[in-house]
Amino acid sequence: MPSARRALALALLSPLALTLSACGDPSYHYVKNSGDKTYFRVPAEWHEIDEKSLNSALNDTDPDSATAEVIDKITWSVAYDADAKPSAAHLLGLGSDQPFVYATVRRLTDPEQGTISLNHLRDLFLPVTETSRQTASDNGTGLRGFELLRDELLTPGHGVRGVRTTYNYSAALGGLQTFDLTAYASDDGHLYWMIVRCSAKCFKDRKSELDAIAESFTVRNT
């Protein structure tokens, strides 16, 4: 093939090669709950946790119980673990130094809607406000080493308000852990929140990656 024709062929094939490469395995899992208009993304190599085992671990209920059935009806939840041996227990950093992300949406009852404050959102996962931390200490929960790293108000509009709060706690089996909580409440009676957890060292080393996951958590109430 003459050199001019060879150059032309290579020029035509290069965009095709790029297109085929882009059609390979995506870099992310794009997670969505279309019904509640909730979206986020995690790296494609992370492992999804079985929802029943996740709910069972978080709510201390038998997955086949009537209570679990009620929770399933009003709650959507999903979790991804970067550990090679994924487990719901890693949400609290027990036995894993790898990142873990958990997201959930729940319909609020009418009485609950009147009780959701910004401080309530901050305390959704672990005690963050001074009052909540004092209560936890009085009850002997064993939580220690609290450090507040970030506390921001989120105002996406359209009847949605929220907070992003990042803090450290020392877990009994996992050392110092960083928890990055993003939480929203909507005027139509929904509670949305995501927690990204990693050891404090891991969080520093992978800050850009973990920030991107937290910032991808999107709620649209329109």
Protein backbone atom coordinates (compact mmCIF):
# COMPACT_ATOMS: atom_id res chain seq x y z
CA MET A 1 0.00 0.00 0.00
CA PRO A 2 1.48 3.37 -0.93
CA SER A 3 2.49 5.48 2.03
CA ALA A 4 -0.27 8.07 1.39
CA ARG A 5 -2.99 5.42 1.34
CA ARG A 6 -1.51 3.77 4.46
CA ALA A 7 -1.59 7.07 6.30
CA LEU A 8 -5.19 7.65 5.26
CA ALA A 9 -6.21 4.15 6.43
CA LEU A 10 -4.57 4.69 9.81
CA ALA A 11 -6.30 8.05 10.18
CA LEU A 12 -9.67 6.45 9.48
CA LEU A 13 -9.06 3.49 11.80
CA SER A 14 -7.88 5.55 14.79
CA PRO A 15 -11.33 6.99 15.70
CA LEU A 16 -12.81 3.49 15.30
CA ALA A 17 -10.25 2.06 17.68
CA LEU A 18 -11.07 4.75 20.23
CA THR A 19 -14.79 4.03 19.89
CA LEU A 20 -14.30 0.30 20.38
CA SER A 21 -12.13 0.96 23.42
CA ALA A 22 -14.82 3.20 24.90
CA CYS A 23 -17.34 0.39 24.47
CA GLY A 24 -15.43 -1.85 26.85
CA ASP A 25 -16.15 -2.30 30.55
CA PRO A 26 -17.17 1.05 32.07
CA SER A 27 -15.05 2.60 34.82
CA TYR A 28 -18.06 3.02 37.12
CA HIS A 29 -21.23 1.42 38.35
CA TYR A 30 -23.93 4.02 37.73
CA VAL A 31 -26.43 3.37 40.50
CA LYS A 32 -29.93 4.78 40.29
CA ASN A 33 -33.31 4.59 41.93
CA SER A 34 -35.46 6.02 39.16
CA GLY A 35 -38.64 6.02 41.23
CA ASP A 36 -37.10 8.26 43.89
CA LYS A 37 -34.82 10.12 41.44
CA THR A 38 -31.64 9.22 43.29
CA TYR A 39 -28.31 8.65 41.54
CA PHE A 40 -24.62 8.11 42.27
CA ARG A 41 -21.60 6.25 40.94
CA VAL A 42 -18.88 3.99 42.34
CA PRO A 43 -15.81 2.40 40.74
CA ALA A 44 -16.74 -0.60 38.59
CA GLU A 45 -14.43 -2.96 40.49
CA TRP A 46 -16.29 -2.49 43.80
CA HIS A 47 -18.63 -5.27 44.89
CA GLU A 48 -22.35 -4.85 45.54
CA ILE A 49 -23.61 -6.11 48.92
CA ASP A 50 -26.74 -8.26 49.06
CA GLU A 51 -29.60 -5.98 50.15
CA LYS A 52 -31.20 -8.47 52.56
CA SER A 53 -27.97 -9.10 54.44
CA LEU A 54 -27.31 -5.36 54.48
CA ASN A 55 -30.73 -4.51 55.94
CA SER A 56 -30.43 -7.36 58.42
CA ALA A 57 -27.07 -6.10 59.67
CA LEU A 58 -28.23 -2.49 59.94
CA ASN A 59 -31.63 -3.15 61.50
CA ASP A 60 -30.73 -6.22 63.57
CA THR A 61 -33.66 -8.14 62.10
CA ASP A 62 -34.12 -11.55 60.56
CA PRO A 63 -34.40 -11.03 56.77
CA ASP A 64 -37.45 -13.34 56.73
CA SER A 65 -39.28 -11.55 59.56
CA ALA A 66 -42.41 -9.42 59.21
CA THR A 67 -40.41 -6.41 60.42
CA ALA A 68 -37.90 -6.91 57.61
CA GLU A 69 -40.77 -7.09 55.14
CA VAL A 70 -42.12 -3.71 56.32
CA ILE A 71 -38.66 -2.16 56.12
CA ASP A 72 -38.26 -3.48 52.57
CA LYS A 73 -41.52 -1.81 51.53
CA ILE A 74 -40.61 1.68 52.69
CA THR A 75 -36.82 1.58 52.18
CA TRP A 76 -34.49 1.30 49.22
CA SER A 77 -30.85 0.70 50.03
CA VAL A 78 -27.69 -0.35 48.27
CA ALA A 79 -24.04 -0.73 49.24
CA TYR A 80 -20.72 -1.33 47.53
CA ASP A 81 -17.51 -2.59 49.10
CA ALA A 82 -14.00 -2.18 47.68
CA ASP A 83 -12.73 -5.10 49.77
CA ALA A 84 -11.91 -8.33 47.92
CA LYS A 85 -14.13 -10.15 50.42
CA PRO A 86 -17.19 -7.86 50.62
CA SER A 87 -19.27 -7.82 53.79
CA ALA A 88 -21.98 -5.62 55.31
CA ALA A 89 -19.85 -5.54 58.49
CA HIS A 90 -17.33 -3.38 56.66
CA LEU A 91 -19.73 -0.43 56.81
CA LEU A 92 -18.32 0.34 60.26
CA GLY A 93 -14.75 -0.51 59.29
CA LEU A 94 -14.83 -3.84 61.11
CA GLY A 95 -12.13 -6.02 59.56
CA SER A 96 -11.47 -3.93 56.46
CA ASP A 97 -9.27 -0.99 55.53
CA GLN A 98 -10.99 -0.59 52.15
CA PRO A 99 -13.67 1.97 51.22
CA PHE A 100 -17.36 1.18 51.61
CA VAL A 101 -20.40 3.16 50.42
CA TYR A 102 -23.99 2.82 51.59
CA ALA A 103 -26.99 4.75 50.25
CA THR A 104 -30.64 4.60 51.22
CA VAL A 105 -34.00 6.24 50.58
CA ARG A 106 -36.94 5.94 52.96
CA ARG A 107 -40.47 7.25 52.95
CA LEU A 108 -41.23 9.14 56.16
CA THR A 109 -44.43 8.73 58.12
CA ASP A 110 -46.55 11.85 58.70
CA PRO A 111 -45.36 12.23 62.34
CA GLU A 112 -41.73 11.80 61.29
CA GLN A 113 -41.90 14.58 58.70
CA GLY A 114 -42.29 17.18 61.43
CA THR A 115 -39.23 15.98 63.33
CA ILE A 116 -36.55 16.04 60.63
CA SER A 117 -34.15 18.89 61.37
CA LEU A 118 -30.67 19.52 59.99
CA ASN A 119 -29.23 18.19 63.26
CA HIS A 120 -31.32 15.06 62.83
CA LEU A 121 -29.72 14.61 59.40
CA ARG A 122 -26.23 15.06 60.89
CA ASP A 123 -26.93 12.32 63.46
CA LEU A 124 -28.50 9.82 61.05
CA PHE A 125 -25.64 7.34 61.09
CA LEU A 126 -23.46 8.08 64.12
CA PRO A 127 -23.76 10.83 66.75
CA VAL A 128 -22.29 14.09 65.46
CA THR A 129 -24.02 16.92 67.33
CA GLU A 130 -22.85 17.66 70.87
CA THR A 131 -26.15 16.57 72.43
CA SER A 132 -26.19 13.31 70.52
CA ARG A 133 -22.56 12.54 71.38
CA GLN A 134 -23.21 13.22 75.06
CA THR A 135 -26.19 10.86 75.03
CA ALA A 136 -24.08 8.18 73.34
CA SER A 137 -21.35 8.63 75.95
CA ASP A 138 -23.87 8.39 78.81
CA ASN A 139 -25.20 5.16 77.30
CA GLY A 140 -21.73 3.63 77.13
CA THR A 141 -21.64 3.01 73.38
CA GLY A 142 -17.84 2.91 73.34
CA LEU A 143 -17.55 5.46 70.53
CA ARG A 144 -14.43 7.56 70.92
CA GLY A 145 -12.00 9.75 69.03
CA PHE A 146 -14.62 12.00 67.44
CA GLU A 147 -13.23 14.70 65.11
CA LEU A 148 -15.41 16.94 62.93
CA LEU A 149 -13.74 17.48 59.56
CA ARG A 150 -16.52 19.13 57.54
CA ASP A 151 -20.05 20.43 58.05
CA GLU A 152 -21.81 22.03 55.09
CA LEU A 153 -25.39 22.99 54.35
CA LEU A 154 -26.72 21.70 51.02
CA THR A 155 -29.46 23.62 49.23
CA PRO A 156 -30.25 21.95 45.91
CA GLY A 157 -33.72 23.54 45.93
CA HIS A 158 -37.06 22.11 44.72
CA GLY A 159 -38.12 21.29 48.29
CA VAL A 160 -34.91 19.47 49.21
CA ARG A 161 -32.53 20.49 52.02
CA GLY A 162 -29.54 18.70 53.45
CA VAL A 163 -26.08 18.53 54.96
CA ARG A 164 -22.71 17.04 54.17
CA THR A 165 -20.83 16.14 57.32
CA THR A 166 -17.46 14.40 57.48
CA TYR A 167 -16.02 13.12 60.75
CA ASN A 168 -13.71 10.61 62.38
CA TYR A 169 -14.47 7.95 64.96
CA SER A 170 -12.27 5.24 66.38
CA ALA A 171 -13.98 1.89 65.78
CA ALA A 172 -13.26 -0.90 68.25
CA LEU A 173 -11.85 -3.32 65.66
CA GLY A 174 -10.90 -1.06 62.82
CA GLY A 175 -8.90 1.87 64.23
CA LEU A 176 -9.63 5.47 63.28
CA GLN A 177 -12.31 5.65 60.57
CA THR A 178 -13.55 8.55 58.43
CA PHE A 179 -17.26 8.79 57.67
CA ASP A 180 -18.51 11.15 54.95
CA LEU A 181 -22.28 11.60 55.26
CA THR A 182 -24.51 13.33 52.71
CA ALA A 183 -28.15 13.53 53.81
CA TYR A 184 -31.29 15.17 52.42
CA ALA A 185 -34.92 15.52 53.46
CA SER A 186 -37.62 16.53 50.98
CA ASP A 187 -40.90 18.33 51.42
CA ASP A 188 -42.73 15.36 49.92
CA GLY A 189 -41.68 13.15 52.84
CA HIS A 190 -38.53 11.30 51.78
CA LEU A 191 -35.21 10.85 53.55
CA TYR A 192 -32.13 10.28 51.38
CA TRP A 193 -28.63 9.65 52.66
CA MET A 194 -25.26 8.22 51.70
CA ILE A 195 -22.28 7.32 53.85
CA VAL A 196 -18.78 6.79 52.46
CA ARG A 197 -16.47 5.06 54.94
CA CYS A 198 -12.77 4.31 54.92
CA SER A 199 -9.94 4.26 57.44
CA ALA A 200 -8.63 7.75 58.15
CA LYS A 201 -5.38 6.97 56.32
CA CYS A 202 -7.25 5.46 53.38
CA PHE A 203 -9.52 8.51 53.22
CA LYS A 204 -6.53 10.84 53.02
CA ASP A 205 -4.77 8.69 50.41
CA ARG A 206 -7.90 8.33 48.24
CA LYS A 207 -9.58 11.65 49.01
CA SER A 208 -10.18 12.68 45.39
CA GLU A 209 -11.76 9.33 44.52
CA LEU A 210 -13.99 9.24 47.60
CA ASP A 211 -14.97 12.91 47.26
CA ALA A 212 -16.08 12.18 43.70
CA ILE A 213 -18.35 9.38 44.92
CA ALA A 214 -19.94 11.59 47.60
CA GLU A 215 -20.38 14.48 45.18
CA SER A 216 -22.04 12.18 42.63
CA PHE A 217 -24.94 11.53 45.05
CA THR A 218 -27.80 13.39 43.41
CA VAL A 219 -31.43 13.79 44.49
CA ARG A 220 -33.97 15.32 42.14
CA ASN A 221 -37.36 16.11 43.61
CA THR A 222 -38.90 17.35 40.36
